[in-house]
Amino acid sequence: MKILGFGNCCVDYYIQQGIAYPGGNGLNVAVFAKDNGMDAAFLGTIGTDDIGKHIIKTAKKMGIDISHSPIKKGASGKAAVNIINGDRVWDEEYFGDEHGVGTLFPPMLSECDLEYVEGFDLIHGCSYAYLEDQFLRLVKTDSLLTYDFSDDDEYRTEEYLKEICPVLDLGLFSCEHIAEENILDFVTFVKSCGCKNVLITMGPRGQRFYSESGEVYEGKAKYITPIDTMGAGDSFCAAFLAGLLKRGWKKHVELTGDMIIPALADAAEYSAKNCLVEGSFGHGLKIDM
């Protein structure tokens, strides 16, 4: 079974440590899917700077196929962060308005790329990657299409949801800060935009899955004292998707409780363990940035 992380890669720069850890939703999902028994690949723009070279080296070392990822001259994406009591606190001003090559030169899928992606059982996209137009082209494949909308309001507007949702087999939303009484209305709207299945994560409140057939399934959070919560959401996402594929999910197959419930439990366990790893998945590069 094959999963493609189609989106962004970057490094998360830990200011206190002076260490850059590879990350970004697209790359993270590929790495975590591989760790959960999938044949995984990443397709996204990578820079030619030192951190870009480190991302390439790390991906290859971990068995992630990046053969269709364009390499563009320039700086890779990066974000600055401090870890306080195990939780990540972003420093939005550290790198200013500097943009990486992923933002400046997102991949434009060639016919060769489209033939390549047709070989995947599931293609996972994400907000922040500036690839909406290219992701929509994937509807012509027989791959399952999933998408992480993160937690930013700009990716929850009616216009944005109506653009992406009609092609989705599953949409993922972080809803930790949405009040319980507002969640059902939000999910109802997302599904009305065309998204077949919806997974929401709610931090310590667990997860909730709304199936295409109208069933609702509850998942529980796995409590742990974290070393670093970086990558927690992506690790949950990848483990959940891998769990569904292992239990028989494929295009035009409706998800059932026998598939969803154990996949939620497996993902919670995997995500909790990942919070004991520094960075999204380790492999830090000591560097002055």
Protein backbone atom coordinates (compact mmCIF):
# COMPACT_ATOMS: atom_id res chain seq x y z
CA MET A 1 0.00 0.00 0.00
CA LYS A 2 1.35 3.38 -1.05
CA ILE A 3 0.84 6.87 0.40
CA LEU A 4 2.07 10.09 -1.19
CA GLY A 5 2.63 13.20 0.91
CA PHE A 6 1.91 15.97 -1.61
CA GLY A 7 2.72 19.36 -0.19
CA ASN A 8 5.35 21.20 1.77
CA CYS A 9 8.62 20.44 3.46
CA CYS A 10 10.64 22.74 5.66
CA VAL A 11 12.73 22.77 8.79
CA ASP A 12 11.54 23.73 12.24
CA TYR A 13 14.38 25.73 13.74
CA TYR A 14 14.67 25.35 17.49
CA ILE A 15 16.09 28.69 18.55
CA GLN A 16 17.30 27.66 22.00
CA GLN A 17 19.14 24.62 20.67
CA GLY A 18 20.33 26.00 17.34
CA ILE A 19 19.02 22.84 15.65
CA ALA A 20 16.93 22.56 12.48
CA TYR A 21 14.61 19.55 12.34
CA PRO A 22 13.07 18.43 9.01
CA GLY A 23 9.32 18.76 8.87
CA GLY A 24 6.33 20.14 7.01
CA ASN A 25 3.00 18.34 6.62
CA GLY A 26 3.73 16.65 3.29
CA LEU A 27 7.11 15.28 4.34
CA ASN A 28 5.93 14.40 7.84
CA VAL A 29 3.00 12.35 6.56
CA ALA A 30 5.29 10.44 4.20
CA VAL A 31 7.79 9.68 6.98
CA PHE A 32 5.12 8.65 9.49
CA ALA A 33 3.27 6.56 6.89
CA LYS A 34 6.51 4.72 6.15
CA ASP A 35 6.94 4.07 9.87
CA ASN A 36 3.44 2.60 9.89
CA GLY A 37 4.21 0.04 7.22
CA MET A 38 3.35 1.96 4.07
CA ASP A 39 5.41 2.42 0.93
CA ALA A 40 5.69 6.21 1.11
CA ALA A 41 6.85 9.11 -1.03
CA PHE A 42 6.98 12.89 -0.89
CA LEU A 43 6.33 15.32 -3.73
CA GLY A 44 7.12 18.95 -2.99
CA THR A 45 9.70 21.63 -3.77
CA ILE A 46 13.05 21.44 -1.97
CA GLY A 47 15.73 24.13 -1.86
CA THR A 48 19.44 23.91 -2.67
CA ASP A 49 20.64 25.42 0.62
CA ASP A 50 22.20 23.44 3.46
CA ILE A 51 18.87 22.63 5.06
CA GLY A 52 17.47 21.53 1.71
CA LYS A 53 20.43 19.19 1.30
CA HIS A 54 19.77 17.89 4.81
CA ILE A 55 16.10 17.26 3.97
CA ILE A 56 17.10 15.29 0.86
CA LYS A 57 19.70 13.29 2.75
CA THR A 58 17.25 12.50 5.57
CA ALA A 59 14.41 11.52 3.24
CA LYS A 60 16.63 9.12 1.34
CA LYS A 61 18.02 7.66 4.57
CA MET A 62 14.47 6.99 5.77
CA GLY A 63 13.42 5.32 2.53
CA ILE A 64 11.14 8.10 1.28
CA ASP A 65 10.96 8.39 -2.51
CA ILE A 66 11.50 12.04 -3.50
CA SER A 67 12.29 11.35 -7.16
CA HIS A 68 9.53 13.65 -8.43
CA SER A 69 10.22 16.50 -6.01
CA PRO A 70 11.59 19.55 -7.88
CA ILE A 71 14.87 20.94 -6.55
CA LYS A 72 14.92 24.73 -6.91
CA LYS A 73 17.83 27.07 -6.37
CA GLY A 74 17.25 29.03 -3.19
CA ALA A 75 16.34 28.70 0.46
CA SER A 76 14.09 25.97 1.81
CA GLY A 77 11.11 26.80 3.97
CA LYS A 78 11.71 27.31 7.66
CA ALA A 79 9.86 28.21 10.83
CA ALA A 80 11.27 29.28 14.20
CA VAL A 81 10.09 27.71 17.43
CA ASN A 82 10.81 27.51 21.14
CA ILE A 83 9.84 24.49 23.24
CA ILE A 84 8.30 25.46 26.57
CA ASN A 85 7.24 22.65 28.94
CA GLY A 86 7.26 20.23 26.01
CA ASP A 87 4.95 22.35 23.88
CA ARG A 88 5.89 24.30 20.77
CA VAL A 89 5.65 28.09 20.77
CA TRP A 90 6.17 29.66 17.36
CA ASP A 91 8.25 32.81 16.90
CA GLU A 92 6.58 34.41 13.88
CA GLU A 93 9.06 37.31 13.73
CA TYR A 94 12.35 35.38 13.85
CA PHE A 95 12.63 34.88 10.07
CA GLY A 96 10.51 37.89 9.12
CA ASP A 97 8.75 37.71 5.73
CA GLU A 98 11.33 35.47 4.12
CA HIS A 99 9.77 32.85 1.85
CA GLY A 100 11.22 29.49 0.85
CA VAL A 101 11.23 27.90 -2.58
CA GLY A 102 8.19 25.81 -1.72
CA THR A 103 6.12 28.99 -1.51
CA LEU A 104 7.83 30.68 -4.46
CA PHE A 105 7.94 27.66 -6.77
CA PRO A 106 5.29 25.07 -5.82
CA PRO A 107 5.39 21.96 -8.05
CA MET A 108 3.53 22.07 -11.35
CA LEU A 109 2.58 18.49 -12.16
CA SER A 110 3.80 17.26 -15.54
CA GLU A 111 2.23 14.37 -17.45
CA CYS A 112 5.08 12.22 -16.11
CA ASP A 113 4.21 13.32 -12.55
CA LEU A 114 0.54 12.50 -13.09
CA GLU A 115 1.42 9.02 -14.32
CA TYR A 116 3.61 8.60 -11.24
CA VAL A 117 0.96 9.63 -8.71
CA GLU A 118 -1.57 7.24 -10.23
CA GLY A 119 0.43 4.45 -8.61
CA PHE A 120 -0.54 5.53 -5.09
CA ASP A 121 -3.45 4.20 -3.09
CA LEU A 122 -3.78 7.50 -1.25
CA ILE A 123 -2.57 11.05 -1.90
CA HIS A 124 -2.53 13.42 1.04
CA GLY A 125 -2.53 17.19 0.53
CA CYS A 126 -2.51 20.10 2.93
CA SER A 127 -3.04 23.80 3.38
CA TYR A 128 0.08 26.00 3.57
CA ALA A 129 1.52 24.29 0.46
CA TYR A 130 0.11 26.63 -2.23
CA LEU A 131 -0.84 23.58 -4.28
CA GLU A 132 -4.62 23.81 -4.40
CA ASP A 133 -4.80 24.02 -8.20
CA GLN A 134 -2.47 21.05 -8.63
CA PHE A 135 -4.24 18.99 -5.97
CA LEU A 136 -7.54 19.41 -7.78
CA ARG A 137 -5.97 17.85 -10.88
CA LEU A 138 -5.56 14.60 -8.92
CA VAL A 139 -9.30 13.93 -9.08
CA LYS A 140 -8.61 12.18 -12.39
CA THR A 141 -6.66 9.44 -10.59
CA ASP A 142 -8.07 6.40 -8.82
CA SER A 143 -6.26 7.35 -5.61
CA LEU A 144 -8.01 8.24 -2.38
CA LEU A 145 -7.66 11.99 -1.79
CA THR A 146 -7.26 13.31 1.76
CA TYR A 147 -6.46 16.82 2.94
CA ASP A 148 -5.34 18.48 6.16
CA PHE A 149 -6.97 21.89 6.67
CA SER A 150 -5.01 22.58 9.87
CA ASP A 151 -6.58 25.12 12.26
CA ASP A 152 -6.33 28.47 10.46
CA ASP A 153 -9.53 30.34 9.66
CA GLU A 154 -8.25 31.27 6.19
CA TYR A 155 -8.58 27.62 5.18
CA ARG A 156 -12.12 27.34 6.52
CA THR A 157 -13.83 30.01 4.49
CA GLU A 158 -16.83 29.01 2.40
CA GLU A 159 -14.89 29.79 -0.77
CA TYR A 160 -11.91 27.61 0.18
CA LEU A 161 -13.97 24.67 1.41
CA LYS A 162 -16.17 24.67 -1.68
CA GLU A 163 -13.04 24.59 -3.83
CA ILE A 164 -11.33 21.63 -2.16
CA CYS A 165 -14.03 19.54 -0.47
CA PRO A 166 -15.83 18.18 -3.56
CA VAL A 167 -12.82 16.03 -4.51
CA LEU A 168 -12.08 14.72 -1.01
CA ASP A 169 -12.57 11.25 0.37
CA LEU A 170 -11.53 12.56 3.79
CA GLY A 171 -10.88 16.00 5.27
CA LEU A 172 -8.96 16.51 8.51
CA PHE A 173 -9.47 19.51 10.78
CA SER A 174 -7.84 20.56 14.04
CA CYS A 175 -10.71 21.77 16.23
CA GLU A 176 -9.17 21.94 19.68
CA HIS A 177 -10.21 25.57 20.06
CA ILE A 178 -13.76 25.18 18.73
CA ALA A 179 -16.45 24.98 21.40
CA GLU A 180 -18.24 21.64 21.61
CA GLU A 181 -21.62 23.14 20.77
CA ASN A 182 -20.25 24.54 17.46
CA ILE A 183 -18.54 21.43 16.14
CA LEU A 184 -21.56 19.67 14.64
CA ASP A 185 -22.62 22.76 12.69
CA PHE A 186 -19.07 23.12 11.37
CA VAL A 187 -18.85 19.48 10.27
CA THR A 188 -22.31 19.65 8.70
CA PHE A 189 -21.18 22.60 6.62
CA VAL A 190 -17.93 20.88 5.59
CA LYS A 191 -19.87 17.82 4.43
CA SER A 192 -22.36 20.03 2.58
CA CYS A 193 -19.38 21.36 0.60
CA GLY A 194 -18.75 17.85 -0.69
CA CYS A 195 -16.29 16.25 1.73
CA LYS A 196 -17.28 12.56 2.10
CA ASN A 197 -15.70 11.83 5.50
CA VAL A 198 -14.52 14.27 8.17
CA LEU A 199 -12.04 13.74 10.99
CA ILE A 200 -11.69 16.37 13.66
CA THR A 201 -9.04 16.32 16.36
CA MET A 202 -9.68 18.11 19.64
CA GLY A 203 -6.45 17.79 21.60
CA PRO A 204 -7.11 16.33 25.06
CA ARG A 205 -10.81 15.90 24.15
CA GLY A 206 -9.86 13.21 21.66
CA GLN A 207 -11.08 12.82 18.10
CA ARG A 208 -14.38 12.47 16.29
CA PHE A 209 -14.98 10.87 12.92
CA TYR A 210 -18.04 11.67 10.82
CA SER A 211 -18.52 9.02 8.14
CA GLU A 212 -20.01 9.31 4.68
CA SER A 213 -22.99 7.24 5.83
CA GLY A 214 -23.71 9.59 8.74
CA GLU A 215 -22.23 7.55 11.59
CA VAL A 216 -20.15 9.27 14.28
CA TYR A 217 -17.21 7.57 16.00
CA GLU A 218 -15.35 8.81 19.06
CA GLY A 219 -11.63 8.42 19.65
CA LYS A 220 -9.76 8.98 22.90
CA ALA A 221 -6.57 10.94 23.44
CA LYS A 222 -3.57 9.04 24.77
CA TYR A 223 -2.13 10.99 27.70
CA ILE A 224 1.62 11.28 28.02
CA THR A 225 4.14 13.78 29.40
CA PRO A 226 5.60 15.14 26.16
CA ILE A 227 9.17 15.96 25.36
CA ASP A 228 8.11 17.76 22.19
CA THR A 229 4.65 18.01 20.58
CA MET A 230 6.05 18.92 17.15
CA GLY A 231 4.53 16.63 14.54
CA ALA A 232 1.85 15.27 16.87
CA GLY A 233 -1.00 16.06 14.50
CA ASP A 234 0.79 14.82 11.40
CA SER A 235 1.82 11.59 13.12
CA PHE A 236 -1.80 10.99 14.15
CA CYS A 237 -2.99 11.74 10.62
CA ALA A 238 -0.49 9.41 8.92
CA ALA A 239 -1.04 6.55 11.37
CA PHE A 240 -4.81 6.89 11.00
CA LEU A 241 -4.67 6.87 7.20
CA ALA A 242 -2.30 3.88 7.23
CA GLY A 243 -4.63 2.09 9.64
CA LEU A 244 -7.60 2.59 7.33
CA LEU A 245 -5.68 1.30 4.30
CA LYS A 246 -4.53 -1.77 6.22
CA ARG A 247 -8.16 -2.52 7.04
CA GLY A 248 -9.30 -2.40 3.44
CA TRP A 249 -10.09 1.21 2.60
CA LYS A 250 -9.73 2.09 -1.04
CA LYS A 251 -11.46 4.23 -3.64
CA HIS A 252 -15.23 3.64 -3.75
CA VAL A 253 -15.15 1.55 -0.54
CA GLU A 254 -17.26 2.99 2.28
CA LEU A 255 -15.59 3.19 5.67
CA THR A 256 -17.09 1.19 8.53
CA GLY A 257 -16.75 1.20 12.30
CA ASP A 258 -14.61 -1.93 12.15
CA MET A 259 -12.08 0.08 10.15
CA ILE A 260 -12.40 3.47 11.85
CA ILE A 261 -12.41 2.61 15.57
CA PRO A 262 -9.17 0.58 15.69
CA ALA A 263 -7.46 3.06 13.34
CA LEU A 264 -8.29 5.89 15.74
CA ALA A 265 -6.85 3.93 18.67
CA ASP A 266 -3.69 3.01 16.76
CA ALA A 267 -3.17 6.62 15.70
CA ALA A 268 -3.59 7.96 19.24
CA GLU A 269 -0.99 5.49 20.51
CA TYR A 270 1.46 6.33 17.72
CA SER A 271 1.02 10.08 18.08
CA ALA A 272 1.62 9.89 21.84
CA LYS A 273 4.86 7.99 21.31
CA ASN A 274 5.95 10.55 18.76
CA CYS A 275 5.72 13.25 21.42
CA LEU A 276 8.77 11.62 23.02
CA VAL A 277 10.87 12.50 19.94
CA GLU A 278 12.53 15.89 19.42
CA GLY A 279 11.37 17.62 16.25
CA SER A 280 8.74 16.02 14.05
CA PHE A 281 10.81 12.86 13.64
CA GLY A 282 14.31 13.70 14.87
CA HIS A 283 17.27 13.99 12.48
CA GLY A 284 18.19 17.50 13.62
CA LEU A 285 20.93 19.54 11.96
CA LYS A 286 23.09 21.76 14.17
CA ILE A 287 23.20 25.06 12.32
CA ASP A 288 23.27 28.80 13.01
CA MET A 289 20.26 30.49 11.41
